[in-house]
């Protein structure tokens, strides 16, 4: 979201910029050209930045959450 606000607001002026800033303060905007995000697995790591949209791929975050939840459940089940 904060990366997206940079993309939407960076070229806006006046009321249009204020509208973006009313949703996310411009001090919180993150320039996507200054970040990186990776999915790390047994197979190595891969960038999860969509180069065209300049956003982090949400489906990769969802996948990581699913993997973590499954591992937690496996561990929890061992404790029974």
Protein backbone atom coordinates (compact mmCIF):
# COMPACT_ATOMS: atom_id res chain seq x y z
CA UNK A 1 0.00 0.00 0.00
CA UNK A 2 2.71 2.44 0.95
CA UNK A 3 4.68 1.53 -2.17
CA UNK A 4 1.49 2.01 -4.19
CA UNK A 5 0.90 5.43 -2.67
CA UNK A 6 4.31 6.53 -3.94
CA UNK A 7 3.40 5.36 -7.42
CA UNK A 8 0.06 7.19 -7.34
CA UNK A 9 1.18 10.37 -5.60
CA UNK A 10 4.68 11.07 -6.89
CA UNK A 11 3.57 13.12 -9.92
CA UNK A 12 0.47 14.69 -8.37
CA UNK A 13 0.27 18.34 -7.32
CA UNK A 14 -2.18 20.44 -5.38
CA UNK A 15 -5.49 18.87 -4.43
CA UNK A 16 -4.65 15.59 -6.15
CA UNK A 17 -1.50 15.17 -4.06
CA UNK A 18 -3.37 16.16 -0.91
CA UNK A 19 -5.96 13.49 -1.68
CA UNK A 20 -3.25 10.82 -1.82
CA UNK A 21 -1.61 12.20 1.34
CA UNK A 22 -4.96 12.10 3.17
CA UNK A 23 -4.87 8.32 2.73
CA UNK A 24 -1.13 7.73 3.31
CA UNK A 25 1.16 10.47 4.64
CA UNK A 26 3.85 11.25 2.07
CA UNK A 27 6.53 10.67 4.74
CA UNK A 28 5.52 7.00 4.58
CA UNK A 29 5.75 6.65 0.81
CA UNK A 30 8.39 4.17 -0.31
CA UNK A 31 10.12 4.52 -3.66
CA UNK A 32 9.93 1.04 -5.22
CA UNK A 33 13.26 1.60 -6.94
CA UNK A 34 14.89 1.68 -3.49
CA UNK A 35 13.57 -1.60 -2.09
CA UNK A 36 13.86 -5.31 -2.67
CA UNK A 37 11.81 -8.26 -1.47
CA UNK A 38 12.62 -11.93 -1.81
CA UNK A 39 10.95 -15.29 -1.29
CA UNK A 40 13.45 -17.65 0.30
CA UNK A 41 12.97 -21.41 0.19
CA UNK A 42 14.94 -24.65 0.09
CA UNK A 43 15.38 -23.99 -3.64
CA UNK A 44 17.05 -20.62 -3.15
CA UNK A 45 15.63 -17.14 -3.34
CA UNK A 46 13.66 -15.20 -5.91
CA UNK A 47 12.69 -11.57 -6.22
CA UNK A 48 8.99 -11.02 -5.56
CA UNK A 49 8.86 -7.50 -6.98
CA UNK A 50 6.62 -7.13 -10.02
CA UNK A 51 8.95 -5.11 -12.24
CA UNK A 52 6.11 -3.74 -14.38
CA UNK A 53 3.83 -2.64 -11.54
CA UNK A 54 6.66 -1.91 -9.06
CA UNK A 55 4.76 -3.69 -6.30
CA UNK A 56 5.46 -6.71 -4.11
CA UNK A 57 3.59 -9.73 -5.47
CA UNK A 58 0.81 -10.37 -2.92
CA UNK A 59 0.43 -14.00 -3.99
CA UNK A 60 4.02 -14.67 -2.92
CA UNK A 61 3.33 -13.20 0.53
CA UNK A 62 0.20 -15.37 0.74
CA UNK A 63 2.25 -18.40 -0.24
CA UNK A 64 4.83 -17.67 2.46
CA UNK A 65 2.07 -17.29 5.05
CA UNK A 66 0.58 -20.60 4.00
CA UNK A 67 3.95 -22.37 4.28
CA UNK A 68 4.55 -20.90 7.75
CA UNK A 69 1.06 -21.90 8.92
CA UNK A 70 1.52 -25.45 7.62
CA UNK A 71 4.88 -25.78 9.41
CA UNK A 72 3.35 -24.45 12.62
CA UNK A 73 0.46 -26.92 12.36
CA UNK A 74 2.91 -29.79 11.76
CA UNK A 75 4.84 -28.79 14.89
CA UNK A 76 1.65 -28.33 16.92
CA UNK A 77 0.44 -31.79 15.88
CA UNK A 78 3.69 -33.36 17.10
CA UNK A 79 2.97 -31.99 20.56
CA UNK A 80 -0.27 -34.00 20.92
